[in-house]
């Protein structure tokens, strides 16, 4: 997978997570079908991105961040997803050591501490 294609998928997952969070904050006009659709999209995107690795430390960090964001809002968690989440957390801990102090490092560190 090319670097730009991977980055597009990372961005798409982050945007879908943000869309779900935005909709759930304004529950008055939200249909359950919309939430279910977004959750399903997130789950599919996580499964698509999980086997990937970033070409740079920054891209790997962005990938881990988006996966952990997805896992944090997913309704479809199962034992396999829990194992994958733990693997992503280990990957995140490794990549955090390589990152210079940036907002990406802060975001990844913050979400890792939530698990």
PDB file of N, CA and C in Angstrom:
ATOM      1  N   UNK A   1       0.854  -1.171   0.000  1.00  0.00           N
ATOM      2  CA  UNK A   1       0.000   0.000   0.000  1.00  0.00           C
ATOM      3  C   UNK A   1       0.902   1.236   0.000  1.00  0.00           C
ATOM      4  N   UNK A   2       0.582   2.187  -0.842  1.00  0.00           N
ATOM      5  CA  UNK A   2       1.394   3.395  -0.923  1.00  0.00           C
ATOM      6  C   UNK A   2       1.189   4.258   0.319  1.00  0.00           C
ATOM      7  N   UNK A   3       2.166   5.105   0.574  1.00  0.00           N
ATOM      8  CA  UNK A   3       2.108   5.975   1.742  1.00  0.00           C
ATOM      9  C   UNK A   3       0.882   6.875   1.708  1.00  0.00           C
ATOM     10  N   UNK A   4       0.584   7.447   0.538  1.00  0.00           N
ATOM     11  CA  UNK A   4      -0.569   8.356   0.450  1.00  0.00           C
ATOM     12  C   UNK A   4      -1.887   7.604   0.610  1.00  0.00           C
ATOM     13  N   UNK A   5      -1.972   6.399   0.077  1.00  0.00           N
ATOM     14  CA  UNK A   5      -3.191   5.587   0.215  1.00  0.00           C
ATOM     15  C   UNK A   5      -3.408   5.220   1.683  1.00  0.00           C
ATOM     16  N   UNK A   6      -2.329   4.836   2.365  1.00  0.00           N
ATOM     17  CA  UNK A   6      -2.430   4.510   3.784  1.00  0.00           C
ATOM     18  C   UNK A   6      -2.863   5.738   4.575  1.00  0.00           C
ATOM     19  N   UNK A   7      -2.274   6.879   4.272  1.00  0.00           N
ATOM     20  CA  UNK A   7      -2.627   8.106   4.988  1.00  0.00           C
ATOM     21  C   UNK A   7      -4.095   8.467   4.764  1.00  0.00           C
ATOM     22  N   UNK A   8      -4.591   8.250   3.559  1.00  0.00           N
ATOM     23  CA  UNK A   8      -6.009   8.510   3.281  1.00  0.00           C
ATOM     24  C   UNK A   8      -6.901   7.625   4.143  1.00  0.00           C
ATOM     25  N   UNK A   9      -6.525   6.364   4.308  1.00  0.00           N
ATOM     26  CA  UNK A   9      -7.316   5.442   5.131  1.00  0.00           C
ATOM     27  C   UNK A   9      -7.247   5.825   6.606  1.00  0.00           C
ATOM     28  N   UNK A  10      -6.067   6.271   7.053  1.00  0.00           N
ATOM     29  CA  UNK A  10      -5.917   6.736   8.434  1.00  0.00           C
ATOM     30  C   UNK A  10      -6.828   7.936   8.666  1.00  0.00           C
ATOM     31  N   UNK A  11      -6.771   8.893   7.758  1.00  0.00           N
ATOM     32  CA  UNK A  11      -7.599  10.098   7.871  1.00  0.00           C
ATOM     33  C   UNK A  11      -9.085   9.759   7.842  1.00  0.00           C
ATOM     34  N   UNK A  12      -9.460   8.813   6.994  1.00  0.00           N
ATOM     35  CA  UNK A  12     -10.869   8.425   6.884  1.00  0.00           C
ATOM     36  C   UNK A  12     -11.367   7.823   8.199  1.00  0.00           C
ATOM     37  N   UNK A  13     -10.566   6.963   8.817  1.00  0.00           N
ATOM     38  CA  UNK A  13     -10.974   6.372  10.093  1.00  0.00           C
ATOM     39  C   UNK A  13     -11.112   7.460  11.158  1.00  0.00           C
ATOM     40  N   UNK A  14     -10.151   8.364  11.232  1.00  0.00           N
ATOM     41  CA  UNK A  14     -10.247   9.442  12.221  1.00  0.00           C
ATOM     42  C   UNK A  14     -11.485  10.305  11.973  1.00  0.00           C
ATOM     43  N   UNK A  15     -11.771  10.593  10.729  1.00  0.00           N
ATOM     44  CA  UNK A  15     -12.959  11.396  10.404  1.00  0.00           C
ATOM     45  C   UNK A  15     -14.250  10.667  10.758  1.00  0.00           C
ATOM     46  N   UNK A  16     -14.289   9.357  10.535  1.00  0.00           N
ATOM     47  CA  UNK A  16     -15.484   8.577  10.873  1.00  0.00           C
ATOM     48  C   UNK A  16     -15.690   8.546  12.382  1.00  0.00           C
ATOM     49  N   UNK A  17     -14.592   8.391  13.137  1.00  0.00           N
ATOM     50  CA  UNK A  17     -14.692   8.425  14.604  1.00  0.00           C
ATOM     51  C   UNK A  17     -15.218   9.783  15.060  1.00  0.00           C
ATOM     52  N   UNK A  18     -14.668  10.850  14.493  1.00  0.00           N
ATOM     53  CA  UNK A  18     -15.139  12.191  14.860  1.00  0.00           C
ATOM     54  C   UNK A  18     -16.614  12.377  14.500  1.00  0.00           C
ATOM     55  N   UNK A  19     -17.044  11.837  13.373  1.00  0.00           N
ATOM     56  CA  UNK A  19     -18.455  11.935  12.976  1.00  0.00           C
ATOM     57  C   UNK A  19     -19.345  11.216  13.988  1.00  0.00           C
ATOM     58  N   UNK A  20     -18.917  10.038  14.427  1.00  0.00           N
ATOM     59  CA  UNK A  20     -19.694   9.288  15.417  1.00  0.00           C
ATOM     60  C   UNK A  20     -19.763  10.062  16.731  1.00  0.00           C
ATOM     61  N   UNK A  21     -18.640  10.587  17.166  1.00  0.00           N
ATOM     62  CA  UNK A  21     -18.630  11.340  18.424  1.00  0.00           C
ATOM     63  C   UNK A  21     -19.480  12.600  18.321  1.00  0.00           C
ATOM     64  N   UNK A  22     -19.412  13.258  17.179  1.00  0.00           N
ATOM     65  CA  UNK A  22     -20.206  14.473  16.977  1.00  0.00           C
ATOM     66  C   UNK A  22     -21.698  14.148  17.005  1.00  0.00           C
ATOM     67  N   UNK A  23     -22.092  13.082  16.321  1.00  0.00           N
ATOM     68  CA  UNK A  23     -23.511  12.702  16.298  1.00  0.00           C
ATOM     69  C   UNK A  23     -23.991  12.297  17.686  1.00  0.00           C
ATOM     70  N   UNK A  24     -23.171  11.544  18.415  1.00  0.00           N
ATOM     71  CA  UNK A  24     -23.612  11.072  19.726  1.00  0.00           C
ATOM     72  C   UNK A  24     -23.686  12.211  20.743  1.00  0.00           C
ATOM     73  N   UNK A  25     -22.992  13.315  20.495  1.00  0.00           N
ATOM     74  CA  UNK A  25     -23.099  14.479  21.382  1.00  0.00           C
ATOM     75  C   UNK A  25     -24.422  15.210  21.199  1.00  0.00           C
ATOM     76  N   UNK A  26     -25.045  15.028  20.048  1.00  0.00           N
ATOM     77  CA  UNK A  26     -26.309  15.704  19.742  1.00  0.00           C
ATOM     78  C   UNK A  26     -27.381  14.654  19.462  1.00  0.00           C
ATOM     79  N   UNK A  27     -27.684  13.870  20.465  1.00  0.00           N
ATOM     80  CA  UNK A  27     -28.560  12.708  20.306  1.00  0.00           C
ATOM     81  C   UNK A  27     -29.995  13.062  19.915  1.00  0.00           C
ATOM     82  N   UNK A  28     -30.408  14.292  20.075  1.00  0.00           N
ATOM     83  CA  UNK A  28     -31.805  14.648  19.815  1.00  0.00           C
ATOM     84  C   UNK A  28     -32.241  14.293  18.400  1.00  0.00           C
ATOM     85  N   UNK A  29     -31.394  14.526  17.405  1.00  0.00           N
ATOM     86  CA  UNK A  29     -31.789  14.276  16.028  1.00  0.00           C
ATOM     87  C   UNK A  29     -31.061  13.114  15.386  1.00  0.00           C
ATOM     88  N   UNK A  30     -30.599  12.174  16.192  1.00  0.00           N
ATOM     89  CA  UNK A  30     -29.806  11.063  15.662  1.00  0.00           C
ATOM     90  C   UNK A  30     -30.637   9.787  15.670  1.00  0.00           C
ATOM     91  N   UNK A  31     -30.575   9.078  14.570  1.00  0.00           N
ATOM     92  CA  UNK A  31     -31.264   7.800  14.469  1.00  0.00           C
ATOM     93  C   UNK A  31     -30.307   6.671  14.839  1.00  0.00           C
ATOM     94  N   UNK A  32     -30.852   5.647  15.451  1.00  0.00           N
ATOM     95  CA  UNK A  32     -30.053   4.495  15.845  1.00  0.00           C
ATOM     96  C   UNK A  32     -29.376   3.882  14.626  1.00  0.00           C
ATOM     97  N   UNK A  33     -30.056   3.888  13.493  1.00  0.00           N
ATOM     98  CA  UNK A  33     -29.472   3.336  12.269  1.00  0.00           C
ATOM     99  C   UNK A  33     -28.202   4.085  11.873  1.00  0.00           C
ATOM    100  N   UNK A  34     -28.184   5.408  12.077  1.00  0.00           N
ATOM    101  CA  UNK A  34     -26.987   6.197  11.765  1.00  0.00           C
ATOM    102  C   UNK A  34     -25.819   5.786  12.655  1.00  0.00           C
ATOM    103  N   UNK A  35     -26.093   5.622  13.941  1.00  0.00           N
ATOM    104  CA  UNK A  35     -25.035   5.212  14.865  1.00  0.00           C
ATOM    105  C   UNK A  35     -24.536   3.810  14.540  1.00  0.00           C
ATOM    106  N   UNK A  36     -25.448   2.915  14.220  1.00  0.00           N
ATOM    107  CA  UNK A  36     -25.060   1.549  13.871  1.00  0.00           C
ATOM    108  C   UNK A  36     -24.226   1.532  12.594  1.00  0.00           C
ATOM    109  N   UNK A  37     -24.621   2.339  11.612  1.00  0.00           N
ATOM    110  CA  UNK A  37     -23.872   2.406  10.353  1.00  0.00           C
ATOM    111  C   UNK A  37     -22.462   2.927  10.591  1.00  0.00           C
ATOM    112  N   UNK A  38     -22.343   4.005  11.370  1.00  0.00           N
ATOM    113  CA  UNK A  38     -21.022   4.565  11.661  1.00  0.00           C
ATOM    114  C   UNK A  38     -20.160   3.575  12.436  1.00  0.00           C
ATOM    115  N   UNK A  39     -20.757   2.877  13.398  1.00  0.00           N
ATOM    116  CA  UNK A  39     -20.003   1.874  14.151  1.00  0.00           C
ATOM    117  C   UNK A  39     -19.532   0.747  13.252  1.00  0.00           C
ATOM    118  N   UNK A  40     -20.375   0.326  12.338  1.00  0.00           N
ATOM    119  CA  UNK A  40     -19.993  -0.726  11.402  1.00  0.00           C
ATOM    120  C   UNK A  40     -18.858  -0.252  10.495  1.00  0.00           C
ATOM    121  N   UNK A  41     -18.953   0.988  10.008  1.00  0.00           N
ATOM    122  CA  UNK A  41     -17.887   1.544   9.169  1.00  0.00           C
ATOM    123  C   UNK A  41     -16.568   1.590   9.927  1.00  0.00           C
ATOM    124  N   UNK A  42     -16.626   2.017  11.181  1.00  0.00           N
ATOM    125  CA  UNK A  42     -15.415   2.089  12.000  1.00  0.00           C
ATOM    126  C   UNK A  42     -14.816   0.702  12.164  1.00  0.00           C
ATOM    127  N   UNK A  43     -15.638  -0.275  12.461  1.00  0.00           N
ATOM    128  CA  UNK A  43     -15.150  -1.643  12.646  1.00  0.00           C
ATOM    129  C   UNK A  43     -14.498  -2.166  11.367  1.00  0.00           C
ATOM    130  N   UNK A  44     -15.112  -1.924  10.232  1.00  0.00           N
ATOM    131  CA  UNK A  44     -14.539  -2.363   8.956  1.00  0.00           C
ATOM    132  C   UNK A  44     -13.221  -1.651   8.661  1.00  0.00           C
ATOM    133  N   UNK A  45     -13.165  -0.356   8.937  1.00  0.00           N
ATOM    134  CA  UNK A  45     -11.942   0.404   8.689  1.00  0.00           C
ATOM    135  C   UNK A  45     -10.813  -0.053   9.612  1.00  0.00           C
ATOM    136  N   UNK A  46     -11.145  -0.357  10.865  1.00  0.00           N
ATOM    137  CA  UNK A  46     -10.139  -0.883  11.792  1.00  0.00           C
ATOM    138  C   UNK A  46      -9.569  -2.183  11.242  1.00  0.00           C
ATOM    139  N   UNK A  47     -10.445  -3.083  10.827  1.00  0.00           N
ATOM    140  CA  UNK A  47      -9.984  -4.375  10.308  1.00  0.00           C
ATOM    141  C   UNK A  47      -9.146  -4.217   9.047  1.00  0.00           C
ATOM    142  N   UNK A  48      -9.453  -3.215   8.242  1.00  0.00           N
ATOM    143  CA  UNK A  48      -8.684  -2.948   7.029  1.00  0.00           C
ATOM    144  C   UNK A  48      -7.295  -2.397   7.366  1.00  0.00           C
ATOM    145  N   UNK A  49      -7.214  -1.539   8.364  1.00  0.00           N
ATOM    146  CA  UNK A  49      -5.948  -0.885   8.707  1.00  0.00           C
ATOM    147  C   UNK A  49      -5.072  -1.690   9.662  1.00  0.00           C
ATOM    148  N   UNK A  50      -5.667  -2.584  10.437  1.00  0.00           N
ATOM    149  CA  UNK A  50      -4.915  -3.292  11.478  1.00  0.00           C
ATOM    150  C   UNK A  50      -3.619  -3.945  10.981  1.00  0.00           C
ATOM    151  N   UNK A  51      -3.620  -4.647   9.863  1.00  0.00           N
ATOM    152  CA  UNK A  51      -2.371  -5.308   9.447  1.00  0.00           C
ATOM    153  C   UNK A  51      -1.322  -4.354   8.861  1.00  0.00           C
ATOM    154  N   UNK A  52      -1.674  -3.096   8.669  1.00  0.00           N
ATOM    155  CA  UNK A  52      -0.766  -2.128   8.039  1.00  0.00           C
ATOM    156  C   UNK A  52       0.239  -1.581   9.047  1.00  0.00           C
ATOM    157  N   UNK A  53       1.335  -1.072   8.508  1.00  0.00           N
ATOM    158  CA  UNK A  53       2.354  -0.388   9.309  1.00  0.00           C
ATOM    159  C   UNK A  53       2.750   0.874   8.568  1.00  0.00           C
ATOM    160  N   UNK A  54       3.000   1.937   9.322  1.00  0.00           N
ATOM    161  CA  UNK A  54       3.404   3.201   8.725  1.00  0.00           C
ATOM    162  C   UNK A  54       4.806   3.129   8.151  1.00  0.00           C
ATOM    163  N   UNK A  55       5.056   3.933   7.134  1.00  0.00           N
ATOM    164  CA  UNK A  55       6.379   3.977   6.498  1.00  0.00           C
ATOM    165  C   UNK A  55       7.364   4.808   7.312  1.00  0.00           C
ATOM    166  N   UNK A  56       6.850   5.737   8.119  1.00  0.00           N
ATOM    167  CA  UNK A  56       7.680   6.578   8.980  1.00  0.00           C
ATOM    168  C   UNK A  56       7.165   6.456  10.410  1.00  0.00           C
ATOM    169  N   UNK A  57       7.952   6.942  11.356  1.00  0.00           N
ATOM    170  CA  UNK A  57       7.513   6.918  12.754  1.00  0.00           C
ATOM    171  C   UNK A  57       6.232   7.729  12.927  1.00  0.00           C
ATOM    172  N   UNK A  58       6.155   8.860  12.242  1.00  0.00           N
ATOM    173  CA  UNK A  58       4.970   9.711  12.353  1.00  0.00           C
ATOM    174  C   UNK A  58       3.734   9.034  11.780  1.00  0.00           C
ATOM    175  N   UNK A  59       3.898   8.358  10.644  1.00  0.00           N
ATOM    176  CA  UNK A  59       2.750   7.682  10.045  1.00  0.00           C
ATOM    177  C   UNK A  59       2.331   6.481  10.893  1.00  0.00           C
ATOM    178  N   UNK A  60       3.289   5.769  11.463  1.00  0.00           N
ATOM    179  CA  UNK A  60       2.960   4.653  12.354  1.00  0.00           C
ATOM    180  C   UNK A  60       2.212   5.175  13.580  1.00  0.00           C
ATOM    181  N   UNK A  61       2.641   6.311  14.110  1.00  0.00           N
ATOM    182  CA  UNK A  61       1.955   6.906  15.261  1.00  0.00           C
ATOM    183  C   UNK A  61       0.531   7.317  14.889  1.00  0.00           C
ATOM    184  N   UNK A  62       0.364   7.927  13.723  1.00  0.00           N
ATOM    185  CA  UNK A  62      -0.973   8.328  13.266  1.00  0.00           C
ATOM    186  C   UNK A  62      -1.860   7.104  13.056  1.00  0.00           C
ATOM    187  N   UNK A  63      -1.285   6.039  12.535  1.00  0.00           N
ATOM    188  CA  UNK A  63      -2.025   4.794  12.333  1.00  0.00           C
ATOM    189  C   UNK A  63      -2.469   4.219  13.676  1.00  0.00           C
ATOM    190  N   UNK A  64      -1.540   4.118  14.619  1.00  0.00           N
ATOM    191  CA  UNK A  64      -1.887   3.594  15.941  1.00  0.00           C
ATOM    192  C   UNK A  64      -2.939   4.469  16.616  1.00  0.00           C
ATOM    193  N   UNK A  65      -2.788   5.782  16.491  1.00  0.00           N
ATOM    194  CA  UNK A  65      -3.763   6.703  17.079  1.00  0.00           C
ATOM    195  C   UNK A  65      -5.150   6.469  16.496  1.00  0.00           C
ATOM    196  N   UNK A  66      -5.242   6.369  15.180  1.00  0.00           N
ATOM    197  CA  UNK A  66      -6.560   6.181  14.559  1.00  0.00           C
ATOM    198  C   UNK A  66      -7.165   4.832  14.948  1.00  0.00           C
ATOM    199  N   UNK A  67      -6.345   3.784  15.016  1.00  0.00           N
ATOM    200  CA  UNK A  67      -6.856   2.473  15.431  1.00  0.00           C
ATOM    201  C   UNK A  67      -7.375   2.524  16.868  1.00  0.00           C
ATOM    202  N   UNK A  68      -6.608   3.142  17.758  1.00  0.00           N
ATOM    203  CA  UNK A  68      -7.042   3.228  19.152  1.00  0.00           C
ATOM    204  C   UNK A  68      -8.280   4.105  19.301  1.00  0.00           C
ATOM    205  N   UNK A  69      -8.369   5.158  18.505  1.00  0.00           N
ATOM    206  CA  UNK A  69      -9.587   5.975  18.508  1.00  0.00           C
ATOM    207  C   UNK A  69     -10.777   5.115  18.090  1.00  0.00           C
ATOM    208  N   UNK A  70     -10.582   4.308  17.061  1.00  0.00           N
ATOM    209  CA  UNK A  70     -11.648   3.429  16.594  1.00  0.00           C
ATOM    210  C   UNK A  70     -12.055   2.417  17.645  1.00  0.00           C
ATOM    211  N   UNK A  71     -11.052   1.782  18.275  1.00  0.00           N
ATOM    212  CA  UNK A  71     -11.363   0.808  19.321  1.00  0.00           C
ATOM    213  C   UNK A  71     -12.081   1.459  20.499  1.00  0.00           C
ATOM    214  N   UNK A  72     -11.774   2.715  20.779  1.00  0.00           N
ATOM    215  CA  UNK A  72     -12.373   3.373  21.945  1.00  0.00           C
ATOM    216  C   UNK A  72     -13.863   3.663  21.759  1.00  0.00           C
ATOM    217  N   UNK A  73     -14.343   3.724  20.523  1.00  0.00           N
ATOM    218  CA  UNK A  73     -15.762   4.021  20.293  1.00  0.00           C
ATOM    219  C   UNK A  73     -16.539   2.846  19.704  1.00  0.00           C
ATOM    220  N   UNK A  74     -15.859   1.770  19.368  1.00  0.00           N
ATOM    221  CA  UNK A  74     -16.508   0.655  18.679  1.00  0.00           C
ATOM    222  C   UNK A  74     -17.455  -0.110  19.595  1.00  0.00           C
ATOM    223  N   UNK A  75     -18.652  -0.382  19.083  1.00  0.00           N
ATOM    224  CA  UNK A  75     -19.625  -1.203  19.803  1.00  0.00           C
ATOM    225  C   UNK A  75     -19.424  -2.683  19.503  1.00  0.00           C
ATOM    226  N   UNK A  76     -18.598  -2.994  18.524  1.00  0.00           N
ATOM    227  CA  UNK A  76     -18.487  -4.366  18.058  1.00  0.00           C
ATOM    228  C   UNK A  76     -17.270  -5.075  18.623  1.00  0.00           C
ATOM    229  N   UNK A  77     -16.837  -4.711  19.810  1.00  0.00           N
ATOM    230  CA  UNK A  77     -15.651  -5.324  20.404  1.00  0.00           C
ATOM    231  C   UNK A  77     -15.928  -6.783  20.762  1.00  0.00           C
ATOM    232  N   UNK A  78     -14.947  -7.613  20.486  1.00  0.00           N
ATOM    233  CA  UNK A  78     -14.996  -9.016  20.875  1.00  0.00           C
ATOM    234  C   UNK A  78     -13.600  -9.405  21.346  1.00  0.00           C
ATOM    235  N   UNK A  79     -13.402 -10.652  21.712  1.00  0.00           N
ATOM    236  CA  UNK A  79     -12.102 -11.063  22.255  1.00  0.00           C
ATOM    237  C   UNK A  79     -10.975 -10.886  21.238  1.00  0.00           C
ATOM    238  N   UNK A  80     -11.262 -11.101  19.966  1.00  0.00           N
ATOM    239  CA  UNK A  80     -10.249 -10.897  18.926  1.00  0.00           C
ATOM    240  C   UNK A  80      -9.870  -9.420  18.836  1.00  0.00           C
ATOM    241  N   UNK A  81     -10.864  -8.538  18.927  1.00  0.00           N
ATOM    242  CA  UNK A  81     -10.595  -7.100  18.896  1.00  0.00           C
ATOM    243  C   UNK A  81      -9.783  -6.669  20.114  1.00  0.00           C
ATOM    244  N   UNK A  82     -10.048  -7.270  21.269  1.00  0.00           N
ATOM    245  CA  UNK A  82      -9.279  -6.941  22.474  1.00  0.00           C
ATOM    246  C   UNK A  82      -7.813  -7.321  22.296  1.00  0.00           C
ATOM    247  N   UNK A  83      -7.556  -8.466  21.688  1.00  0.00           N
ATOM    248  CA  UNK A  83      -6.174  -8.889  21.431  1.00  0.00           C
ATOM    249  C   UNK A  83      -5.499  -7.937  20.446  1.00  0.00           C
ATOM    250  N   UNK A  84      -6.232  -7.537  19.422  1.00  0.00           N
ATOM    251  CA  UNK A  84      -5.682  -6.591  18.446  1.00  0.00           C
ATOM    252  C   UNK A  84      -5.392  -5.246  19.104  1.00  0.00           C
ATOM    253  N   UNK A  85      -6.297  -4.803  19.960  1.00  0.00           N
ATOM    254  CA  UNK A  85      -6.103  -3.529  20.656  1.00  0.00           C
ATOM    255  C   UNK A  85      -4.830  -3.574  21.500  1.00  0.00           C
ATOM    256  N   UNK A  86      -4.598  -4.686  22.190  1.00  0.00           N
ATOM    257  CA  UNK A  86      -3.380  -4.826  22.999  1.00  0.00           C
ATOM    258  C   UNK A  86      -2.133  -4.785  22.125  1.00  0.00           C
ATOM    259  N   UNK A  87      -2.212  -5.382  20.948  1.00  0.00           N
ATOM    260  CA  UNK A  87      -1.085  -5.335  20.016  1.00  0.00           C
ATOM    261  C   UNK A  87      -0.824  -3.903  19.565  1.00  0.00           C
ATOM    262  N   UNK A  88      -1.879  -3.169  19.254  1.00  0.00           N
ATOM    263  CA  UNK A  88      -1.726  -1.772  18.840  1.00  0.00           C
ATOM    264  C   UNK A  88      -1.160  -0.942  19.991  1.00  0.00           C
ATOM    265  N   UNK A  89      -1.565  -1.225  21.209  1.00  0.00           N
ATOM    266  CA  UNK A  89      -1.005  -0.516  22.361  1.00  0.00           C
ATOM    267  C   UNK A  89       0.496  -0.778  22.486  1.00  0.00           C
ATOM    268  N   UNK A  90       0.924  -2.017  22.266  1.00  0.00           N
ATOM    269  CA  UNK A  90       2.366  -2.338  22.300  1.00  0.00           C
ATOM    270  C   UNK A  90       3.100  -1.599  21.187  1.00  0.00           C
ATOM    271  N   UNK A  91       2.518  -1.601  19.988  1.00  0.00           N
ATOM    272  CA  UNK A  91       3.119  -0.855  18.871  1.00  0.00           C
ATOM    273  C   UNK A  91       3.228   0.624  19.219  1.00  0.00           C
ATOM    274  N   UNK A  92       2.200   1.146  19.856  1.00  0.00           N
ATOM    275  CA  UNK A  92       2.182   2.560  20.230  1.00  0.00           C
ATOM    276  C   UNK A  92       3.292   2.880  21.225  1.00  0.00           C
ATOM    277  N   UNK A  93       3.469   2.010  22.215  1.00  0.00           N
ATOM    278  CA  UNK A  93       4.519   2.240  23.210  1.00  0.00           C
ATOM    279  C   UNK A  93       5.899   2.245  22.559  1.00  0.00           C
ATOM    280  N   UNK A  94       6.086   1.384  21.579  1.00  0.00           N
ATOM    281  CA  UNK A  94       7.374   1.332  20.871  1.00  0.00           C
ATOM    282  C   UNK A  94       7.598   2.613  20.071  1.00  0.00           C
ATOM    283  N   UNK A  95       6.574   3.078  19.390  1.00  0.00           N
ATOM    284  CA  UNK A  95       6.733   4.242  18.513  1.00  0.00           C
ATOM    285  C   UNK A  95       6.819   5.533  19.322  1.00  0.00           C
ATOM    286  N   UNK A  96       6.204   5.571  20.490  1.00  0.00           N
ATOM    287  CA  UNK A  96       6.289   6.772  21.327  1.00  0.00           C
ATOM    288  C   UNK A  96       7.735   7.091  21.693  1.00  0.00           C
ATOM    289  N   UNK A  97       8.550   6.058  21.857  1.00  0.00           N
ATOM    290  CA  UNK A  97       9.963   6.251  22.207  1.00  0.00           C
ATOM    291  C   UNK A  97      10.742   6.911  21.076  1.00  0.00           C
ATOM    292  N   UNK A  98      10.254   6.780  19.855  1.00  0.00           N
ATOM    293  CA  UNK A  98      10.964   7.297  18.683  1.00  0.00           C
ATOM    294  C   UNK A  98      10.496   8.684  18.255  1.00  0.00           C
ATOM    295  N   UNK A  99       9.359   9.127  18.772  1.00  0.00           N
ATOM    296  CA  UNK A  99       8.785  10.407  18.338  1.00  0.00           C
ATOM    297  C   UNK A  99       9.361  11.577  19.121  1.00  0.00           C
ATOM    298  N   UNK A 100       9.575  12.664  18.419  1.00  0.00           N
ATOM    299  CA  UNK A 100       9.944  13.903  19.101  1.00  0.00           C
ATOM    300  C   UNK A 100       8.674  14.504  19.703  1.00  0.00           C
ATOM    301  N   UNK A 101       8.837  15.413  20.665  1.00  0.00           N
ATOM    302  CA  UNK A 101       7.647  16.009  21.300  1.00  0.00           C
ATOM    303  C   UNK A 101       6.810  16.813  20.295  1.00  0.00           C
ATOM    304  N   UNK A 102       5.691  16.247  19.900  1.00  0.00           N
ATOM    305  CA  UNK A 102       4.766  16.890  18.970  1.00  0.00           C
ATOM    306  C   UNK A 102       3.350  16.669  19.477  1.00  0.00           C
ATOM    307  N   UNK A 103       2.401  17.319  18.841  1.00  0.00           N
ATOM    308  CA  UNK A 103       1.004  17.104  19.241  1.00  0.00           C
ATOM    309  C   UNK A 103       0.581  15.660  18.965  1.00  0.00           C
ATOM    310  N   UNK A 104       1.125  15.057  17.902  1.00  0.00           N
ATOM    311  CA  UNK A 104       0.805  13.659  17.595  1.00  0.00           C
ATOM    312  C   UNK A 104       1.269  12.751  18.732  1.00  0.00           C
ATOM    313  N   UNK A 105       2.467  12.992  19.229  1.00  0.00           N
ATOM    314  CA  UNK A 105       2.980  12.189  20.343  1.00  0.00           C
ATOM    315  C   UNK A 105       2.091  12.369  21.575  1.00  0.00           C
ATOM    316  N   UNK A 106       1.695  13.597  21.846  1.00  0.00           N
ATOM    317  CA  UNK A 106       0.830  13.870  22.987  1.00  0.00           C
ATOM    318  C   UNK A 106      -0.513  13.155  22.844  1.00  0.00           C
ATOM    319  N   UNK A 107      -1.115  13.226  21.648  1.00  0.00           N
ATOM    320  CA  UNK A 107      -2.408  12.570  21.413  1.00  0.00           C
ATOM    321  C   UNK A 107      -2.293  11.061  21.583  1.00  0.00           C
ATOM    322  N   UNK A 108      -1.235  10.479  21.022  1.00  0.00           N
ATOM    323  CA  UNK A 108      -1.058   9.029  21.123  1.00  0.00           C
ATOM    324  C   UNK A 108      -0.822   8.619  22.570  1.00  0.00           C
ATOM    325  N   UNK A 109       0.005   9.365  23.268  1.00  0.00           N
ATOM    326  CA  UNK A 109       0.265   9.071  24.677  1.00  0.00           C
ATOM    327  C   UNK A 109      -1.015   9.167  25.500  1.00  0.00           C
ATOM    328  N   UNK A 110      -1.813  10.177  25.223  1.00  0.00           N
ATOM    329  CA  UNK A 110      -3.063  10.382  25.955  1.00  0.00           C
ATOM    330  C   UNK A 110      -4.030   9.225  25.744  1.00  0.00           C
ATOM    331  N   UNK A 111      -4.202   8.806  24.505  1.00  0.00           N
ATOM    332  CA  UNK A 111      -5.157   7.718  24.255  1.00  0.00           C
ATOM    333  C   UNK A 111      -4.628   6.389  24.798  1.00  0.00           C
ATOM    334  N   UNK A 112      -3.310   6.191  24.771  1.00  0.00           N
ATOM    335  CA  UNK A 112      -2.738   4.968  25.355  1.00  0.00           C
ATOM    336  C   UNK A 112      -3.029   4.910  26.851  1.00  0.00           C
ATOM    337  N   UNK A 113      -2.951   6.045  27.515  1.00  0.00           N
ATOM    338  CA  UNK A 113      -3.198   6.091  28.960  1.00  0.00           C
ATOM    339  C   UNK A 113      -4.660   5.842  29.310  1.00  0.00           C
ATOM    340  N   UNK A 114      -5.558   5.974  28.340  1.00  0.00           N
ATOM    341  CA  UNK A 114      -6.976   5.705  28.590  1.00  0.00           C
ATOM    342  C   UNK A 114      -7.269   4.207  28.638  1.00  0.00           C
ATOM    343  N   UNK A 115      -6.376   3.423  28.068  1.00  0.00           N
ATOM    344  CA  UNK A 115      -6.587   1.974  28.057  1.00  0.00           C
ATOM    345  C   UNK A 115      -5.834   1.381  29.194  1.00  0.00           C
TER     346      UNK A 115
END
